[in-house]
């Protein structure tokens, strides 16, 4: 991963658009990644969300299925 990888434009969704995607798709058709800390995740998270804290994302990116859209929050 090079420095220019941080400047690649990626599509974004509003909260409403993300909600519609989650409600309209089976959970195996998208990746829902919660990048908060474990304590925050334990207190409350979206159903089906997988915890990958932001500080671990670079090392754990291989756990995310690249064939599916990914929603990160």
PDB file of N, CA and C in Angstrom:
ATOM      1  N   UNK A   1       0.841  -1.169   0.000  1.00  0.00           N
ATOM      2  CA  UNK A   1       0.000   0.000   0.000  1.00  0.00           C
ATOM      3  C   UNK A   1       0.888   1.235   0.000  1.00  0.00           C
ATOM      4  N   UNK A   2       0.679   2.079  -0.979  1.00  0.00           N
ATOM      5  CA  UNK A   2       1.462   3.295  -1.076  1.00  0.00           C
ATOM      6  C   UNK A   2       0.694   4.500  -0.584  1.00  0.00           C
ATOM      7  N   UNK A   3       1.388   5.602  -0.459  1.00  0.00           N
ATOM      8  CA  UNK A   3       0.773   6.826   0.038  1.00  0.00           C
ATOM      9  C   UNK A   3      -0.388   7.278  -0.840  1.00  0.00           C
ATOM     10  N   UNK A   4      -0.316   7.048  -2.134  1.00  0.00           N
ATOM     11  CA  UNK A   4      -1.382   7.487  -3.034  1.00  0.00           C
ATOM     12  C   UNK A   4      -2.681   6.699  -2.834  1.00  0.00           C
ATOM     13  N   UNK A   5      -2.593   5.524  -2.214  1.00  0.00           N
ATOM     14  CA  UNK A   5      -3.801   4.742  -1.933  1.00  0.00           C
ATOM     15  C   UNK A   5      -4.746   5.486  -0.992  1.00  0.00           C
ATOM     16  N   UNK A   6      -4.221   6.417  -0.219  1.00  0.00           N
ATOM     17  CA  UNK A   6      -5.051   7.179   0.706  1.00  0.00           C
ATOM     18  C   UNK A   6      -5.840   8.287   0.004  1.00  0.00           C
ATOM     19  N   UNK A   7      -5.537   8.543  -1.271  1.00  0.00           N
ATOM     20  CA  UNK A   7      -6.185   9.624  -2.000  1.00  0.00           C
ATOM     21  C   UNK A   7      -7.115   9.128  -3.107  1.00  0.00           C
ATOM     22  N   UNK A   8      -7.438   7.857  -3.092  1.00  0.00           N
ATOM     23  CA  UNK A   8      -8.346   7.281  -4.074  1.00  0.00           C
ATOM     24  C   UNK A   8      -9.774   7.592  -3.651  1.00  0.00           C
ATOM     25  N   UNK A   9     -10.547   8.115  -4.572  1.00  0.00           N
ATOM     26  CA  UNK A   9     -11.941   8.430  -4.283  1.00  0.00           C
ATOM     27  C   UNK A   9     -12.745   7.138  -4.166  1.00  0.00           C
ATOM     28  N   UNK A  10     -13.566   7.061  -3.142  1.00  0.00           N
ATOM     29  CA  UNK A  10     -14.432   5.890  -2.956  1.00  0.00           C
ATOM     30  C   UNK A  10     -15.871   6.377  -2.827  1.00  0.00           C
ATOM     31  N   UNK A  11     -16.816   5.570  -3.290  1.00  0.00           N
ATOM     32  CA  UNK A  11     -18.220   5.976  -3.158  1.00  0.00           C
ATOM     33  C   UNK A  11     -18.620   6.032  -1.682  1.00  0.00           C
ATOM     34  N   UNK A  12     -19.463   6.958  -1.348  1.00  0.00           N
ATOM     35  CA  UNK A  12     -19.976   7.049   0.014  1.00  0.00           C
ATOM     36  C   UNK A  12     -21.495   6.944  -0.023  1.00  0.00           C
ATOM     37  N   UNK A  13     -22.049   6.513   1.089  1.00  0.00           N
ATOM     38  CA  UNK A  13     -23.496   6.387   1.229  1.00  0.00           C
ATOM     39  C   UNK A  13     -23.949   7.234   2.407  1.00  0.00           C
ATOM     40  N   UNK A  14     -25.123   7.788   2.301  1.00  0.00           N
ATOM     41  CA  UNK A  14     -25.730   8.438   3.462  1.00  0.00           C
ATOM     42  C   UNK A  14     -26.188   7.330   4.411  1.00  0.00           C
ATOM     43  N   UNK A  15     -26.519   7.709   5.618  1.00  0.00           N
ATOM     44  CA  UNK A  15     -27.030   6.718   6.572  1.00  0.00           C
ATOM     45  C   UNK A  15     -28.295   6.053   6.030  1.00  0.00           C
ATOM     46  N   UNK A  16     -29.136   6.831   5.383  1.00  0.00           N
ATOM     47  CA  UNK A  16     -30.380   6.283   4.820  1.00  0.00           C
ATOM     48  C   UNK A  16     -30.075   5.294   3.687  1.00  0.00           C
ATOM     49  N   UNK A  17     -29.135   5.630   2.824  1.00  0.00           N
ATOM     50  CA  UNK A  17     -28.767   4.719   1.728  1.00  0.00           C
ATOM     51  C   UNK A  17     -28.169   3.426   2.280  1.00  0.00           C
ATOM     52  N   UNK A  18     -27.351   3.529   3.304  1.00  0.00           N
ATOM     53  CA  UNK A  18     -26.763   2.334   3.921  1.00  0.00           C
ATOM     54  C   UNK A  18     -27.858   1.472   4.539  1.00  0.00           C
ATOM     55  N   UNK A  19     -28.815   2.106   5.214  1.00  0.00           N
ATOM     56  CA  UNK A  19     -29.923   1.356   5.815  1.00  0.00           C
ATOM     57  C   UNK A  19     -30.707   0.601   4.756  1.00  0.00           C
ATOM     58  N   UNK A  20     -30.996   1.262   3.638  1.00  0.00           N
ATOM     59  CA  UNK A  20     -31.741   0.600   2.554  1.00  0.00           C
ATOM     60  C   UNK A  20     -30.952  -0.579   1.986  1.00  0.00           C
ATOM     61  N   UNK A  21     -29.639  -0.414   1.803  1.00  0.00           N
ATOM     62  CA  UNK A  21     -28.818  -1.517   1.290  1.00  0.00           C
ATOM     63  C   UNK A  21     -28.850  -2.699   2.251  1.00  0.00           C
ATOM     64  N   UNK A  22     -28.677  -2.422   3.526  1.00  0.00           N
ATOM     65  CA  UNK A  22     -28.674  -3.486   4.533  1.00  0.00           C
ATOM     66  C   UNK A  22     -30.018  -4.202   4.568  1.00  0.00           C
ATOM     67  N   UNK A  23     -31.095  -3.456   4.485  1.00  0.00           N
ATOM     68  CA  UNK A  23     -32.433  -4.060   4.540  1.00  0.00           C
ATOM     69  C   UNK A  23     -32.794  -4.820   3.273  1.00  0.00           C
ATOM     70  N   UNK A  24     -32.192  -4.470   2.148  1.00  0.00           N
ATOM     71  CA  UNK A  24     -32.586  -5.080   0.879  1.00  0.00           C
ATOM     72  C   UNK A  24     -31.709  -6.265   0.461  1.00  0.00           C
ATOM     73  N   UNK A  25     -30.637  -6.502   1.153  1.00  0.00           N
ATOM     74  CA  UNK A  25     -29.687  -7.548   0.767  1.00  0.00           C
ATOM     75  C   UNK A  25     -29.553  -8.592   1.869  1.00  0.00           C
ATOM     76  N   UNK A  26     -29.250  -9.812   1.479  1.00  0.00           N
ATOM     77  CA  UNK A  26     -28.871 -10.826   2.454  1.00  0.00           C
ATOM     78  C   UNK A  26     -27.528 -10.430   3.042  1.00  0.00           C
ATOM     79  N   UNK A  27     -27.289 -10.787   4.300  1.00  0.00           N
ATOM     80  CA  UNK A  27     -26.058 -10.385   4.984  1.00  0.00           C
ATOM     81  C   UNK A  27     -24.797 -10.924   4.324  1.00  0.00           C
ATOM     82  N   UNK A  28     -24.910 -11.989   3.556  1.00  0.00           N
ATOM     83  CA  UNK A  28     -23.728 -12.535   2.891  1.00  0.00           C
ATOM     84  C   UNK A  28     -23.425 -11.820   1.570  1.00  0.00           C
ATOM     85  N   UNK A  29     -24.203 -10.782   1.229  1.00  0.00           N
ATOM     86  CA  UNK A  29     -24.009 -10.042  -0.023  1.00  0.00           C
ATOM     87  C   UNK A  29     -23.283  -8.714   0.187  1.00  0.00           C
ATOM     88  N   UNK A  30     -22.913  -8.408   1.440  1.00  0.00           N
ATOM     89  CA  UNK A  30     -22.162  -7.189   1.738  1.00  0.00           C
ATOM     90  C   UNK A  30     -21.331  -7.416   2.999  1.00  0.00           C
ATOM     91  N   UNK A  31     -20.331  -6.592   3.175  1.00  0.00           N
ATOM     92  CA  UNK A  31     -19.507  -6.603   4.380  1.00  0.00           C
ATOM     93  C   UNK A  31     -19.908  -5.397   5.216  1.00  0.00           C
ATOM     94  N   UNK A  32     -20.213  -5.622   6.475  1.00  0.00           N
ATOM     95  CA  UNK A  32     -20.546  -4.540   7.396  1.00  0.00           C
ATOM     96  C   UNK A  32     -19.479  -4.530   8.475  1.00  0.00           C
ATOM     97  N   UNK A  33     -18.631  -3.516   8.453  1.00  0.00           N
ATOM     98  CA  UNK A  33     -17.462  -3.471   9.325  1.00  0.00           C
ATOM     99  C   UNK A  33     -17.590  -2.311  10.311  1.00  0.00           C
ATOM    100  N   UNK A  34     -17.514  -2.615  11.590  1.00  0.00           N
ATOM    101  CA  UNK A  34     -17.531  -1.625  12.660  1.00  0.00           C
ATOM    102  C   UNK A  34     -16.068  -1.382  13.051  1.00  0.00           C
ATOM    103  N   UNK A  35     -15.593  -0.159  12.870  1.00  0.00           N
ATOM    104  CA  UNK A  35     -14.173   0.140  13.125  1.00  0.00           C
ATOM    105  C   UNK A  35     -13.957   0.827  14.475  1.00  0.00           C
ATOM    106  N   UNK A  36     -14.973   0.823  15.314  1.00  0.00           N
ATOM    107  CA  UNK A  36     -14.838   1.434  16.635  1.00  0.00           C
ATOM    108  C   UNK A  36     -14.058   0.506  17.567  1.00  0.00           C
ATOM    109  N   UNK A  37     -13.930   0.905  18.802  1.00  0.00           N
ATOM    110  CA  UNK A  37     -13.213   0.109  19.792  1.00  0.00           C
ATOM    111  C   UNK A  37     -14.111  -1.000  20.344  1.00  0.00           C
ATOM    112  N   UNK A  38     -13.509  -2.093  20.845  1.00  0.00           N
ATOM    113  CA  UNK A  38     -14.303  -3.225  21.346  1.00  0.00           C
ATOM    114  C   UNK A  38     -15.358  -2.835  22.372  1.00  0.00           C
ATOM    115  N   UNK A  39     -15.046  -1.909  23.270  1.00  0.00           N
ATOM    116  CA  UNK A  39     -16.022  -1.505  24.281  1.00  0.00           C
ATOM    117  C   UNK A  39     -17.246  -0.867  23.617  1.00  0.00           C
ATOM    118  N   UNK A  40     -17.028  -0.027  22.633  1.00  0.00           N
ATOM    119  CA  UNK A  40     -18.135   0.607  21.922  1.00  0.00           C
ATOM    120  C   UNK A  40     -18.967  -0.438  21.181  1.00  0.00           C
ATOM    121  N   UNK A  41     -18.281  -1.392  20.546  1.00  0.00           N
ATOM    122  CA  UNK A  41     -18.953  -2.466  19.816  1.00  0.00           C
ATOM    123  C   UNK A  41     -19.802  -3.296  20.778  1.00  0.00           C
ATOM    124  N   UNK A  42     -19.248  -3.597  21.949  1.00  0.00           N
ATOM    125  CA  UNK A  42     -19.965  -4.416  22.929  1.00  0.00           C
ATOM    126  C   UNK A  42     -21.214  -3.702  23.444  1.00  0.00           C
ATOM    127  N   UNK A  43     -21.157  -2.386  23.561  1.00  0.00           N
ATOM    128  CA  UNK A  43     -22.302  -1.628  24.052  1.00  0.00           C
ATOM    129  C   UNK A  43     -23.458  -1.646  23.059  1.00  0.00           C
ATOM    130  N   UNK A  44     -23.124  -1.521  21.763  1.00  0.00           N
ATOM    131  CA  UNK A  44     -24.164  -1.552  20.733  1.00  0.00           C
ATOM    132  C   UNK A  44     -23.507  -1.546  19.359  1.00  0.00           C
ATOM    133  N   UNK A  45     -24.039  -2.359  18.478  1.00  0.00           N
ATOM    134  CA  UNK A  45     -23.569  -2.377  17.090  1.00  0.00           C
ATOM    135  C   UNK A  45     -24.713  -2.838  16.190  1.00  0.00           C
ATOM    136  N   UNK A  46     -24.550  -2.589  14.911  1.00  0.00           N
ATOM    137  CA  UNK A  46     -25.566  -3.007  13.948  1.00  0.00           C
ATOM    138  C   UNK A  46     -25.558  -4.529  13.826  1.00  0.00           C
ATOM    139  N   UNK A  47     -26.734  -5.144  13.709  1.00  0.00           N
ATOM    140  CA  UNK A  47     -26.783  -6.598  13.533  1.00  0.00           C
ATOM    141  C   UNK A  47     -25.970  -7.027  12.314  1.00  0.00           C
ATOM    142  N   UNK A  48     -25.143  -8.032  12.512  1.00  0.00           N
ATOM    143  CA  UNK A  48     -24.322  -8.559  11.423  1.00  0.00           C
ATOM    144  C   UNK A  48     -22.991  -7.860  11.237  1.00  0.00           C
ATOM    145  N   UNK A  49     -22.761  -6.786  11.991  1.00  0.00           N
ATOM    146  CA  UNK A  49     -21.498  -6.057  11.857  1.00  0.00           C
ATOM    147  C   UNK A  49     -20.349  -6.866  12.462  1.00  0.00           C
ATOM    148  N   UNK A  50     -19.221  -6.776  11.802  1.00  0.00           N
ATOM    149  CA  UNK A  50     -18.006  -7.431  12.279  1.00  0.00           C
ATOM    150  C   UNK A  50     -17.076  -6.368  12.833  1.00  0.00           C
ATOM    151  N   UNK A  51     -16.522  -6.614  13.998  1.00  0.00           N
ATOM    152  CA  UNK A  51     -15.607  -5.662  14.619  1.00  0.00           C
ATOM    153  C   UNK A  51     -14.199  -5.836  14.060  1.00  0.00           C
ATOM    154  N   UNK A  52     -13.707  -4.770  13.446  1.00  0.00           N
ATOM    155  CA  UNK A  52     -12.296  -4.673  13.061  1.00  0.00           C
ATOM    156  C   UNK A  52     -11.887  -3.246  13.427  1.00  0.00           C
ATOM    157  N   UNK A  53     -11.333  -3.049  14.634  1.00  0.00           N
ATOM    158  CA  UNK A  53     -10.974  -1.694  15.053  1.00  0.00           C
ATOM    159  C   UNK A  53     -10.094  -0.998  14.010  1.00  0.00           C
ATOM    160  N   UNK A  54     -10.298   0.295  13.864  1.00  0.00           N
ATOM    161  CA  UNK A  54      -9.598   1.063  12.845  1.00  0.00           C
ATOM    162  C   UNK A  54      -8.091   0.835  12.884  1.00  0.00           C
ATOM    163  N   UNK A  55      -7.514   0.769  14.072  1.00  0.00           N
ATOM    164  CA  UNK A  55      -6.077   0.557  14.202  1.00  0.00           C
ATOM    165  C   UNK A  55      -5.605  -0.801  13.708  1.00  0.00           C
ATOM    166  N   UNK A  56      -6.520  -1.756  13.544  1.00  0.00           N
ATOM    167  CA  UNK A  56      -6.175  -3.105  13.076  1.00  0.00           C
ATOM    168  C   UNK A  56      -6.563  -3.330  11.615  1.00  0.00           C
ATOM    169  N   UNK A  57      -7.228  -2.356  11.015  1.00  0.00           N
ATOM    170  CA  UNK A  57      -7.793  -2.548   9.684  1.00  0.00           C
ATOM    171  C   UNK A  57      -6.740  -2.921   8.645  1.00  0.00           C
ATOM    172  N   UNK A  58      -5.602  -2.259   8.658  1.00  0.00           N
ATOM    173  CA  UNK A  58      -4.564  -2.534   7.666  1.00  0.00           C
ATOM    174  C   UNK A  58      -4.110  -3.998   7.735  1.00  0.00           C
ATOM    175  N   UNK A  59      -3.937  -4.518   8.940  1.00  0.00           N
ATOM    176  CA  UNK A  59      -3.479  -5.902   9.102  1.00  0.00           C
ATOM    177  C   UNK A  59      -4.585  -6.917   8.838  1.00  0.00           C
ATOM    178  N   UNK A  60      -5.839  -6.525   8.993  1.00  0.00           N
ATOM    179  CA  UNK A  60      -6.950  -7.474   8.897  1.00  0.00           C
ATOM    180  C   UNK A  60      -7.787  -7.320   7.641  1.00  0.00           C
ATOM    181  N   UNK A  61      -7.351  -6.468   6.714  1.00  0.00           N
ATOM    182  CA  UNK A  61      -8.136  -6.214   5.503  1.00  0.00           C
ATOM    183  C   UNK A  61      -8.406  -7.505   4.721  1.00  0.00           C
ATOM    184  N   UNK A  62      -7.551  -8.501   4.847  1.00  0.00           N
ATOM    185  CA  UNK A  62      -7.735  -9.780   4.176  1.00  0.00           C
ATOM    186  C   UNK A  62      -8.957 -10.546   4.658  1.00  0.00           C
ATOM    187  N   UNK A  63      -9.532 -10.153   5.782  1.00  0.00           N
ATOM    188  CA  UNK A  63     -10.738 -10.806   6.310  1.00  0.00           C
ATOM    189  C   UNK A  63     -12.004 -10.315   5.614  1.00  0.00           C
ATOM    190  N   UNK A  64     -11.880  -9.272   4.810  1.00  0.00           N
ATOM    191  CA  UNK A  64     -13.039  -8.667   4.157  1.00  0.00           C
ATOM    192  C   UNK A  64     -13.154  -9.213   2.734  1.00  0.00           C
ATOM    193  N   UNK A  65     -14.310  -9.729   2.386  1.00  0.00           N
ATOM    194  CA  UNK A  65     -14.537 -10.300   1.060  1.00  0.00           C
ATOM    195  C   UNK A  65     -14.557  -9.183   0.009  1.00  0.00           C
ATOM    196  N   UNK A  66     -13.556  -9.131  -0.860  1.00  0.00           N
ATOM    197  CA  UNK A  66     -13.495  -8.043  -1.846  1.00  0.00           C
ATOM    198  C   UNK A  66     -14.565  -8.143  -2.938  1.00  0.00           C
ATOM    199  N   UNK A  67     -15.237  -9.274  -3.033  1.00  0.00           N
ATOM    200  CA  UNK A  67     -16.276  -9.448  -4.060  1.00  0.00           C
ATOM    201  C   UNK A  67     -17.585  -8.755  -3.668  1.00  0.00           C
ATOM    202  N   UNK A  68     -17.720  -8.394  -2.401  1.00  0.00           N
ATOM    203  CA  UNK A  68     -18.953  -7.771  -1.910  1.00  0.00           C
ATOM    204  C   UNK A  68     -18.717  -6.304  -1.563  1.00  0.00           C
ATOM    205  N   UNK A  69     -19.750  -5.465  -1.692  1.00  0.00           N
ATOM    206  CA  UNK A  69     -19.615  -4.087  -1.241  1.00  0.00           C
ATOM    207  C   UNK A  69     -19.346  -4.059   0.258  1.00  0.00           C
ATOM    208  N   UNK A  70     -18.616  -3.064   0.690  1.00  0.00           N
ATOM    209  CA  UNK A  70     -18.254  -2.955   2.104  1.00  0.00           C
ATOM    210  C   UNK A  70     -18.772  -1.642   2.673  1.00  0.00           C
ATOM    211  N   UNK A  71     -19.470  -1.750   3.787  1.00  0.00           N
ATOM    212  CA  UNK A  71     -19.930  -0.585   4.524  1.00  0.00           C
ATOM    213  C   UNK A  71     -19.108  -0.539   5.805  1.00  0.00           C
ATOM    214  N   UNK A  72     -18.447   0.590   6.011  1.00  0.00           N
ATOM    215  CA  UNK A  72     -17.600   0.770   7.194  1.00  0.00           C
ATOM    216  C   UNK A  72     -18.182   1.896   8.023  1.00  0.00           C
ATOM    217  N   UNK A  73     -18.302   1.640   9.322  1.00  0.00           N
ATOM    218  CA  UNK A  73     -18.755   2.716  10.211  1.00  0.00           C
ATOM    219  C   UNK A  73     -18.014   2.658  11.513  1.00  0.00           C
TER     220      UNK A  73
END
